[in-house]
C-alpha atoms as a PDB file:
ATOM      1  CA  UNK A   1     -11.415 -15.149   5.345  1.00  0.00           C
ATOM      2  CA  UNK A   2     -13.438 -14.001   2.309  1.00  0.00           C
ATOM      3  CA  UNK A   3     -12.317 -10.929   0.454  1.00  0.00           C
ATOM      4  CA  UNK A   4     -14.862 -11.061  -2.268  1.00  0.00           C
ATOM      5  CA  UNK A   5     -16.732  -8.005  -3.691  1.00  0.00           C
ATOM      6  CA  UNK A   6     -15.511  -4.514  -2.599  1.00  0.00           C
ATOM      7  CA  UNK A   7     -14.635  -5.747   0.972  1.00  0.00           C
ATOM      8  CA  UNK A   8     -11.972  -3.551   2.247  1.00  0.00           C
ATOM      9  CA  UNK A   9     -12.375  -4.204   6.014  1.00  0.00           C
ATOM     10  CA  UNK A  10     -11.115  -7.722   6.023  1.00  0.00           C
ATOM     11  CA  UNK A  11      -7.972  -7.039   7.848  1.00  0.00           C
ATOM     12  CA  UNK A  12      -9.547  -5.048  10.631  1.00  0.00           C
ATOM     13  CA  UNK A  13      -9.117  -7.818  13.340  1.00  0.00           C
ATOM     14  CA  UNK A  14      -5.729  -8.849  12.203  1.00  0.00           C
ATOM     15  CA  UNK A  15      -4.216  -5.444  12.524  1.00  0.00           C
ATOM     16  CA  UNK A  16      -6.218  -4.146  15.399  1.00  0.00           C
ATOM     17  CA  UNK A  17      -4.721  -6.992  17.357  1.00  0.00           C
ATOM     18  CA  UNK A  18      -1.194  -6.688  16.454  1.00  0.00           C
ATOM     19  CA  UNK A  19      -0.714  -2.996  16.271  1.00  0.00           C
ATOM     20  CA  UNK A  20       2.469  -2.305  18.268  1.00  0.00           C
ATOM     21  CA  UNK A  21       4.038  -5.917  17.539  1.00  0.00           C
ATOM     22  CA  UNK A  22       3.569  -5.285  13.728  1.00  0.00           C
ATOM     23  CA  UNK A  23       5.011  -1.740  14.146  1.00  0.00           C
ATOM     24  CA  UNK A  24       8.315  -3.143  15.879  1.00  0.00           C
ATOM     25  CA  UNK A  25       8.669  -6.211  13.369  1.00  0.00           C
ATOM     26  CA  UNK A  26       8.632  -3.887  10.351  1.00  0.00           C
ATOM     27  CA  UNK A  27       9.793  -0.384  11.541  1.00  0.00           C
ATOM     28  CA  UNK A  28      13.294  -0.831  10.689  1.00  0.00           C
ATOM     29  CA  UNK A  29      12.855  -1.981   6.989  1.00  0.00           C
ATOM     30  CA  UNK A  30      15.796  -0.233   5.008  1.00  0.00           C
ATOM     31  CA  UNK A  31      14.104  -0.999   1.706  1.00  0.00           C
ATOM     32  CA  UNK A  32      10.829   0.514   2.764  1.00  0.00           C
ATOM     33  CA  UNK A  33      12.717   3.621   4.220  1.00  0.00           C
ATOM     34  CA  UNK A  34      14.717   4.017   1.174  1.00  0.00           C
ATOM     35  CA  UNK A  35      11.530   4.001  -1.101  1.00  0.00           C
ATOM     36  CA  UNK A  36       9.905   6.716   0.993  1.00  0.00           C
ATOM     37  CA  UNK A  37      12.934   8.668   1.166  1.00  0.00           C
ATOM     38  CA  UNK A  38      13.351   8.727  -2.761  1.00  0.00           C
ATOM     39  CA  UNK A  39       9.547   9.604  -2.955  1.00  0.00           C
ATOM     40  CA  UNK A  40      10.060  12.562  -0.507  1.00  0.00           C
ATOM     41  CA  UNK A  41      12.811  13.653  -2.633  1.00  0.00           C
ATOM     42  CA  UNK A  42      10.292  13.870  -5.556  1.00  0.00           C
ATOM     43  CA  UNK A  43       7.644  15.969  -3.722  1.00  0.00           C
ATOM     44  CA  UNK A  44       7.785  19.754  -3.306  1.00  0.00           C
ATOM     45  CA  UNK A  45       8.167  20.775   0.442  1.00  0.00           C
ATOM     46  CA  UNK A  46       4.917  21.566   2.123  1.00  0.00           C
ATOM     47  CA  UNK A  47       2.990  19.398  -0.149  1.00  0.00           C
ATOM     48  CA  UNK A  48      -0.247  17.448   0.887  1.00  0.00           C
ATOM     49  CA  UNK A  49       0.145  13.712   0.889  1.00  0.00           C
ATOM     50  CA  UNK A  50      -1.857  10.658   1.608  1.00  0.00           C
ATOM     51  CA  UNK A  51      -0.991   7.715   3.620  1.00  0.00           C
ATOM     52  CA  UNK A  52      -3.406   4.902   2.845  1.00  0.00           C
ATOM     53  CA  UNK A  53      -3.670   2.260   5.464  1.00  0.00           C
ATOM     54  CA  UNK A  54      -1.281   4.349   7.771  1.00  0.00           C
ATOM     55  CA  UNK A  55      -1.208   2.004  10.505  1.00  0.00           C
ATOM     56  CA  UNK A  56       0.471   3.260  13.664  1.00  0.00           C
ATOM     57  CA  UNK A  57       2.119   6.053  11.566  1.00  0.00           C
ATOM     58  CA  UNK A  58       5.518   4.382  11.876  1.00  0.00           C
ATOM     59  CA  UNK A  59       7.703   4.763  10.004  1.00  0.00           C
ATOM     60  CA  UNK A  60       5.725   6.292   6.707  1.00  0.00           C
ATOM     61  CA  UNK A  61       3.727   8.999   7.983  1.00  0.00           C
ATOM     62  CA  UNK A  62       6.493   9.935  10.407  1.00  0.00           C
ATOM     63  CA  UNK A  63       9.080  10.297   7.591  1.00  0.00           C
ATOM     64  CA  UNK A  64       6.613  12.407   5.637  1.00  0.00           C
ATOM     65  CA  UNK A  65       5.778  14.576   8.362  1.00  0.00           C
ATOM     66  CA  UNK A  66       9.417  15.221   9.392  1.00  0.00           C
ATOM     67  CA  UNK A  67      10.047  16.081   5.766  1.00  0.00           C
ATOM     68  CA  UNK A  68       7.763  18.939   6.186  1.00  0.00           C
ATOM     69  CA  UNK A  69       4.783  17.378   4.283  1.00  0.00           C
ATOM     70  CA  UNK A  70       1.202  17.749   5.212  1.00  0.00           C
ATOM     71  CA  UNK A  71       0.080  14.265   6.055  1.00  0.00           C
ATOM     72  CA  UNK A  72      -3.415  13.003   5.636  1.00  0.00           C
ATOM     73  CA  UNK A  73      -3.792   9.313   7.060  1.00  0.00           C
ATOM     74  CA  UNK A  74      -6.234   6.785   7.639  1.00  0.00           C
ATOM     75  CA  UNK A  75      -6.687   3.259   8.539  1.00  0.00           C
ATOM     76  CA  UNK A  76      -9.423   0.711   9.517  1.00  0.00           C
ATOM     77  CA  UNK A  77      -7.737  -0.111  12.870  1.00  0.00           C
ATOM     78  CA  UNK A  78      -8.810   2.264  15.519  1.00  0.00           C
ATOM     79  CA  UNK A  79      -5.870   1.204  17.814  1.00  0.00           C
ATOM     80  CA  UNK A  80      -3.418   1.969  15.291  1.00  0.00           C
ATOM     81  CA  UNK A  81      -5.072   5.176  14.307  1.00  0.00           C
ATOM     82  CA  UNK A  82      -4.930   6.399  18.048  1.00  0.00           C
ATOM     83  CA  UNK A  83      -1.241   5.583  18.079  1.00  0.00           C
ATOM     84  CA  UNK A  84      -0.626   7.624  14.984  1.00  0.00           C
ATOM     85  CA  UNK A  85      -2.555  10.670  16.214  1.00  0.00           C
ATOM     86  CA  UNK A  86      -0.480  10.578  19.445  1.00  0.00           C
ATOM     87  CA  UNK A  87       2.908  10.562  17.860  1.00  0.00           C
ATOM     88  CA  UNK A  88       2.974  11.806  14.343  1.00  0.00           C
ATOM     89  CA  UNK A  89       2.112  15.381  13.200  1.00  0.00           C
ATOM     90  CA  UNK A  90      -0.828  15.041  10.641  1.00  0.00           C
ATOM     91  CA  UNK A  91      -4.551  14.445  10.217  1.00  0.00           C
ATOM     92  CA  UNK A  92      -5.643  10.817  10.938  1.00  0.00           C
ATOM     93  CA  UNK A  93      -8.946   9.243  10.838  1.00  0.00           C
ATOM     94  CA  UNK A  94     -10.524   5.772  10.992  1.00  0.00           C
ATOM     95  CA  UNK A  95     -11.828   4.533   7.612  1.00  0.00           C
ATOM     96  CA  UNK A  96     -11.489   1.861   5.178  1.00  0.00           C
ATOM     97  CA  UNK A  97      -9.855   2.391   1.662  1.00  0.00           C
ATOM     98  CA  UNK A  98     -12.973   2.250  -0.667  1.00  0.00           C
ATOM     99  CA  UNK A  99     -15.144   4.597   1.758  1.00  0.00           C
ATOM    100  CA  UNK A 100     -12.673   7.034   2.755  1.00  0.00           C
ATOM    101  CA  UNK A 101     -13.830  10.550   2.017  1.00  0.00           C
ATOM    102  CA  UNK A 102     -11.469  13.543   1.056  1.00  0.00           C
ATOM    103  CA  UNK A 103     -11.348  16.924  -0.428  1.00  0.00           C
ATOM    104  CA  UNK A 104      -8.770  18.365  -2.679  1.00  0.00           C
ATOM    105  CA  UNK A 105      -5.772  16.758  -4.129  1.00  0.00           C
ATOM    106  CA  UNK A 106      -2.302  15.287  -3.320  1.00  0.00           C
ATOM    107  CA  UNK A 107       1.186  15.390  -4.539  1.00  0.00           C
ATOM    108  CA  UNK A 108       1.755  11.883  -3.312  1.00  0.00           C
ATOM    109  CA  UNK A 109       0.034   8.921  -2.102  1.00  0.00           C
ATOM    110  CA  UNK A 110       1.561   5.880  -0.398  1.00  0.00           C
ATOM    111  CA  UNK A 111      -0.151   2.381  -0.119  1.00  0.00           C
ATOM    112  CA  UNK A 112       2.559   0.365   1.355  1.00  0.00           C
ATOM    113  CA  UNK A 113       1.623  -3.090   2.473  1.00  0.00           C
ATOM    114  CA  UNK A 114      -2.023  -1.824   3.030  1.00  0.00           C
ATOM    115  CA  UNK A 115      -4.033  -4.071   0.937  1.00  0.00           C
ATOM    116  CA  UNK A 116      -3.001  -7.580   1.873  1.00  0.00           C
ATOM    117  CA  UNK A 117      -6.503  -8.758   2.738  1.00  0.00           C
ATOM    118  CA  UNK A 118      -8.554  -7.077   0.141  1.00  0.00           C
ATOM    119  CA  UNK A 119     -10.300  -8.484  -2.886  1.00  0.00           C
ATOM    120  CA  UNK A 120      -9.039  -7.506  -6.543  1.00  0.00           C
ATOM    121  CA  UNK A 121     -12.185  -5.593  -7.155  1.00  0.00           C
ATOM    122  CA  UNK A 122     -11.497  -3.408  -3.920  1.00  0.00           C
ATOM    123  CA  UNK A 123      -7.703  -2.803  -4.906  1.00  0.00           C
ATOM    124  CA  UNK A 124      -8.799  -1.909  -8.376  1.00  0.00           C
ATOM    125  CA  UNK A 125     -11.398   0.737  -7.056  1.00  0.00           C
ATOM    126  CA  UNK A 126      -8.978   1.955  -4.342  1.00  0.00           C
ATOM    127  CA  UNK A 127      -5.928   2.517  -6.644  1.00  0.00           C
ATOM    128  CA  UNK A 128      -8.072   4.208  -9.333  1.00  0.00           C
ATOM    129  CA  UNK A 129      -9.711   6.435  -6.705  1.00  0.00           C
ATOM    130  CA  UNK A 130      -6.538   7.676  -5.290  1.00  0.00           C
ATOM    131  CA  UNK A 131      -4.353   8.077  -8.476  1.00  0.00           C
ATOM    132  CA  UNK A 132      -7.191  10.112  -9.684  1.00  0.00           C
ATOM    133  CA  UNK A 133      -6.824  12.334  -6.670  1.00  0.00           C
ATOM    134  CA  UNK A 134      -2.990  12.954  -7.483  1.00  0.00           C
ATOM    135  CA  UNK A 135      -2.093  16.377  -8.812  1.00  0.00           C
ATOM    136  CA  UNK A 136      -0.437  16.430 -12.358  1.00  0.00           C
ATOM    137  CA  UNK A 137       3.084  15.132 -11.800  1.00  0.00           C
ATOM    138  CA  UNK A 138       2.048  13.566  -8.431  1.00  0.00           C
ATOM    139  CA  UNK A 139       3.507  10.221  -7.345  1.00  0.00           C
ATOM    140  CA  UNK A 140       1.833   6.987  -6.225  1.00  0.00           C
ATOM    141  CA  UNK A 141       3.999   4.620  -3.997  1.00  0.00           C
ATOM    142  CA  UNK A 142       3.084   0.998  -3.543  1.00  0.00           C
ATOM    143  CA  UNK A 143       4.714  -1.817  -1.656  1.00  0.00           C
ATOM    144  CA  UNK A 144       3.666  -5.447  -1.446  1.00  0.00           C
ATOM    145  CA  UNK A 145       4.932  -9.132  -1.387  1.00  0.00           C
ATOM    146  CA  UNK A 146       4.864 -10.131  -4.969  1.00  0.00           C
ATOM    147  CA  UNK A 147       3.035 -13.304  -5.537  1.00  0.00           C
ATOM    148  CA  UNK A 148       5.825 -15.075  -7.544  1.00  0.00           C
ATOM    149  CA  UNK A 149       7.601 -16.149  -4.434  1.00  0.00           C
ATOM    150  CA  UNK A 150       4.774 -18.298  -3.120  1.00  0.00           C
ATOM    151  CA  UNK A 151       2.421 -19.027  -5.699  1.00  0.00           C
ATOM    152  CA  UNK A 152       3.729 -21.471  -8.153  1.00  0.00           C
ATOM    153  CA  UNK A 153       0.438 -22.958  -9.355  1.00  0.00           C
ATOM    154  CA  UNK A 154      -0.617 -21.037 -12.417  1.00  0.00           C
ATOM    155  CA  UNK A 155      -4.310 -22.029 -12.014  1.00  0.00           C
ATOM    156  CA  UNK A 156      -4.577 -20.035  -8.844  1.00  0.00           C
ATOM    157  CA  UNK A 157      -4.003 -16.721 -10.676  1.00  0.00           C
ATOM    158  CA  UNK A 158      -6.547 -14.682 -12.854  1.00  0.00           C
ATOM    159  CA  UNK A 159      -6.469 -15.338 -16.432  1.00  0.00           C
ATOM    160  CA  UNK A 160      -3.948 -12.468 -17.243  1.00  0.00           C
ATOM    161  CA  UNK A 161      -1.481 -13.748 -14.313  1.00  0.00           C
ATOM    162  CA  UNK A 162      -1.729 -10.424 -12.691  1.00  0.00           C
ATOM    163  CA  UNK A 163      -2.896 -11.359  -9.234  1.00  0.00           C
ATOM    164  CA  UNK A 164      -4.006 -14.063  -6.636  1.00  0.00           C
ATOM    165  CA  UNK A 165      -6.734 -13.711  -4.020  1.00  0.00           C
ATOM    166  CA  UNK A 166      -7.065 -15.309  -0.492  1.00  0.00           C
ATOM    167  CA  UNK A 167      -3.857 -17.365  -0.870  1.00  0.00           C
ATOM    168  CA  UNK A 168      -2.375 -18.218   2.332  1.00  0.00           C
ATOM    169  CA  UNK A 169       1.005 -16.513   2.692  1.00  0.00           C
ATOM    170  CA  UNK A 170       2.980 -16.450   5.850  1.00  0.00           C
ATOM    171  CA  UNK A 171       2.557 -13.427   8.037  1.00  0.00           C
ATOM    172  CA  UNK A 172       3.730 -12.722  11.528  1.00  0.00           C
ATOM    173  CA  UNK A 173       4.243 -16.331  11.845  1.00  0.00           C
ATOM    174  CA  UNK A 174       0.827 -17.566  10.625  1.00  0.00           C
ATOM    175  CA  UNK A 175      -0.881 -18.297   7.167  1.00  0.00           C
ATOM    176  CA  UNK A 176      -2.827 -15.261   6.292  1.00  0.00           C
ATOM    177  CA  UNK A 177      -5.332 -15.142   3.406  1.00  0.00           C
ATOM    178  CA  UNK A 178      -3.571 -12.576   1.119  1.00  0.00           C
ATOM    179  CA  UNK A 179      -4.118 -10.612  -2.067  1.00  0.00           C
ATOM    180  CA  UNK A 180      -1.005 -10.042  -4.124  1.00  0.00           C
ATOM    181  CA  UNK A 181       0.130  -9.273  -7.650  1.00  0.00           C
ATOM    182  CA  UNK A 182       2.984 -10.894  -9.472  1.00  0.00           C
ATOM    183  CA  UNK A 183       6.077  -8.650 -10.065  1.00  0.00           C
ATOM    184  CA  UNK A 184       5.227  -7.952 -13.633  1.00  0.00           C
ATOM    185  CA  UNK A 185       1.568  -7.782 -12.960  1.00  0.00           C
ATOM    186  CA  UNK A 186       1.979  -4.965 -10.559  1.00  0.00           C
ATOM    187  CA  UNK A 187       3.997  -2.883 -12.863  1.00  0.00           C
ATOM    188  CA  UNK A 188       1.633  -3.499 -15.903  1.00  0.00           C
ATOM    189  CA  UNK A 189      -1.472  -2.748 -13.601  1.00  0.00           C
ATOM    190  CA  UNK A 190       0.083   0.676 -12.900  1.00  0.00           C
ATOM    191  CA  UNK A 191       1.498   1.363 -16.421  1.00  0.00           C
ATOM    192  CA  UNK A 192      -2.190   0.534 -17.825  1.00  0.00           C
ATOM    193  CA  UNK A 193      -3.427   3.597 -15.863  1.00  0.00           C
ATOM    194  CA  UNK A 194      -1.020   5.776 -17.739  1.00  0.00           C
ATOM    195  CA  UNK A 195       1.425   6.088 -14.921  1.00  0.00           C
ATOM    196  CA  UNK A 196       5.127   6.225 -15.427  1.00  0.00           C
ATOM    197  CA  UNK A 197       7.100   3.840 -13.238  1.00  0.00           C
ATOM    198  CA  UNK A 198       9.994   5.963 -11.978  1.00  0.00           C
ATOM    199  CA  UNK A 199      11.554   3.277  -9.561  1.00  0.00           C
ATOM    200  CA  UNK A 200      11.306  -0.206  -8.680  1.00  0.00           C
ATOM    201  CA  UNK A 201      13.136  -2.112  -5.953  1.00  0.00           C
ATOM    202  CA  UNK A 202      12.807  -5.939  -5.129  1.00  0.00           C
ATOM    203  CA  UNK A 203      14.676  -7.071  -1.819  1.00  0.00           C
ATOM    204  CA  UNK A 204      14.497  -9.540   0.846  1.00  0.00           C
ATOM    205  CA  UNK A 205      13.668  -8.201   4.266  1.00  0.00           C
ATOM    206  CA  UNK A 206      13.892 -10.090   7.689  1.00  0.00           C
ATOM    207  CA  UNK A 207      11.185  -8.702  10.081  1.00  0.00           C
ATOM    208  CA  UNK A 208      12.472  -7.980  13.503  1.00  0.00           C
ATOM    209  CA  UNK A 209      10.219 -10.824  15.152  1.00  0.00           C
ATOM    210  CA  UNK A 210      11.509 -14.514  15.805  1.00  0.00           C
ATOM    211  CA  UNK A 211       7.952 -15.636  14.320  1.00  0.00           C
ATOM    212  CA  UNK A 212       8.554 -14.132  11.015  1.00  0.00           C
ATOM    213  CA  UNK A 213      10.494 -15.583   7.942  1.00  0.00           C
ATOM    214  CA  UNK A 214      12.322 -13.456   5.578  1.00  0.00           C
ATOM    215  CA  UNK A 215       9.857 -11.832   2.998  1.00  0.00           C
ATOM    216  CA  UNK A 216      10.563 -10.774  -0.653  1.00  0.00           C
ATOM    217  CA  UNK A 217       9.264  -7.254  -0.942  1.00  0.00           C
ATOM    218  CA  UNK A 218       8.528  -4.938  -4.046  1.00  0.00           C
ATOM    219  CA  UNK A 219       8.189  -1.236  -3.632  1.00  0.00           C
ATOM    220  CA  UNK A 220       7.328   0.881  -6.984  1.00  0.00           C
ATOM    221  CA  UNK A 221       7.079   4.721  -7.410  1.00  0.00           C
ATOM    222  CA  UNK A 222       5.116   5.598 -10.285  1.00  0.00           C
ATOM    223  CA  UNK A 223       4.135   9.368 -11.430  1.00  0.00           C
ATOM    224  CA  UNK A 224       0.921  10.618 -12.900  1.00  0.00           C
ATOM    225  CA  UNK A 225       1.530  12.532 -16.206  1.00  0.00           C
ATOM    226  CA  UNK A 226       1.410  16.261 -16.285  1.00  0.00           C
ATOM    227  CA  UNK A 227      -1.148  16.184 -19.007  1.00  0.00           C
ATOM    228  CA  UNK A 228      -3.915  13.640 -19.742  1.00  0.00           C
ATOM    229  CA  UNK A 229      -6.515  11.620 -17.883  1.00  0.00           C
ATOM    230  CA  UNK A 230      -6.046   8.379 -15.986  1.00  0.00           C
ATOM    231  CA  UNK A 231      -7.635   5.176 -17.239  1.00  0.00           C
ATOM    232  CA  UNK A 232      -8.993   2.461 -15.260  1.00  0.00           C
ATOM    233  CA  UNK A 233      -6.548  -0.198 -14.499  1.00  0.00           C
ATOM    234  CA  UNK A 234      -6.318  -3.450 -16.286  1.00  0.00           C
ATOM    235  CA  UNK A 235      -7.412  -6.086 -16.028  1.00  0.00           C
ATOM    236  CA  UNK A 236     -10.950  -5.072 -15.082  1.00  0.00           C
ATOM    237  CA  UNK A 237     -12.522  -6.779 -12.113  1.00  0.00           C
ATOM    238  CA  UNK A 238     -14.545 -10.150 -13.226  1.00  0.00           C
END
């Protein structure tokens, strides 16, 4: 599956087909939940937050909503969005990451395992867009499977060894053409924008599904500075 250009709809069929199965496999992830709980502790009660690629709303949007935050979420999968609307308090809509339209700012933006089948150009544009939408001092939370675990061939990476595109990584029992950054690449990417990394965890999670192998997962919480503008992330897309 090609993810060249600004294609941010590449995972539509994948996630529309596996909605509840995916939710059940990944819902009880203690590392994800701990990261979201820590992020919630940094956000003033009642603040407006964005769940980018919200899926079924479980567990991220649900945790945010139960914490008294005003949740705005969107996903490319209509089936997942319908599940979120029916079970989580918030405003949910169907959209892709690049084209999603919003007004105002957010105290937090969460992009947790939502960019697996995007191109680097799309990820670059998306992250820059939503970090710019953060209030001063707002936080950006991102989760991914770092490429280091699966990609040993240096020639597959971009010239800065930040990311790989369309590399087959196991997902729900099948090889999925995936975008991933290296552990250090992810941190440098966020820091290059002027964000302060305030938390990082890397752990191994076993999804609750016999088709799934254990996964190395990286979660980062980064804060937008109180003053100053945000720079475009580095490296720039080719």
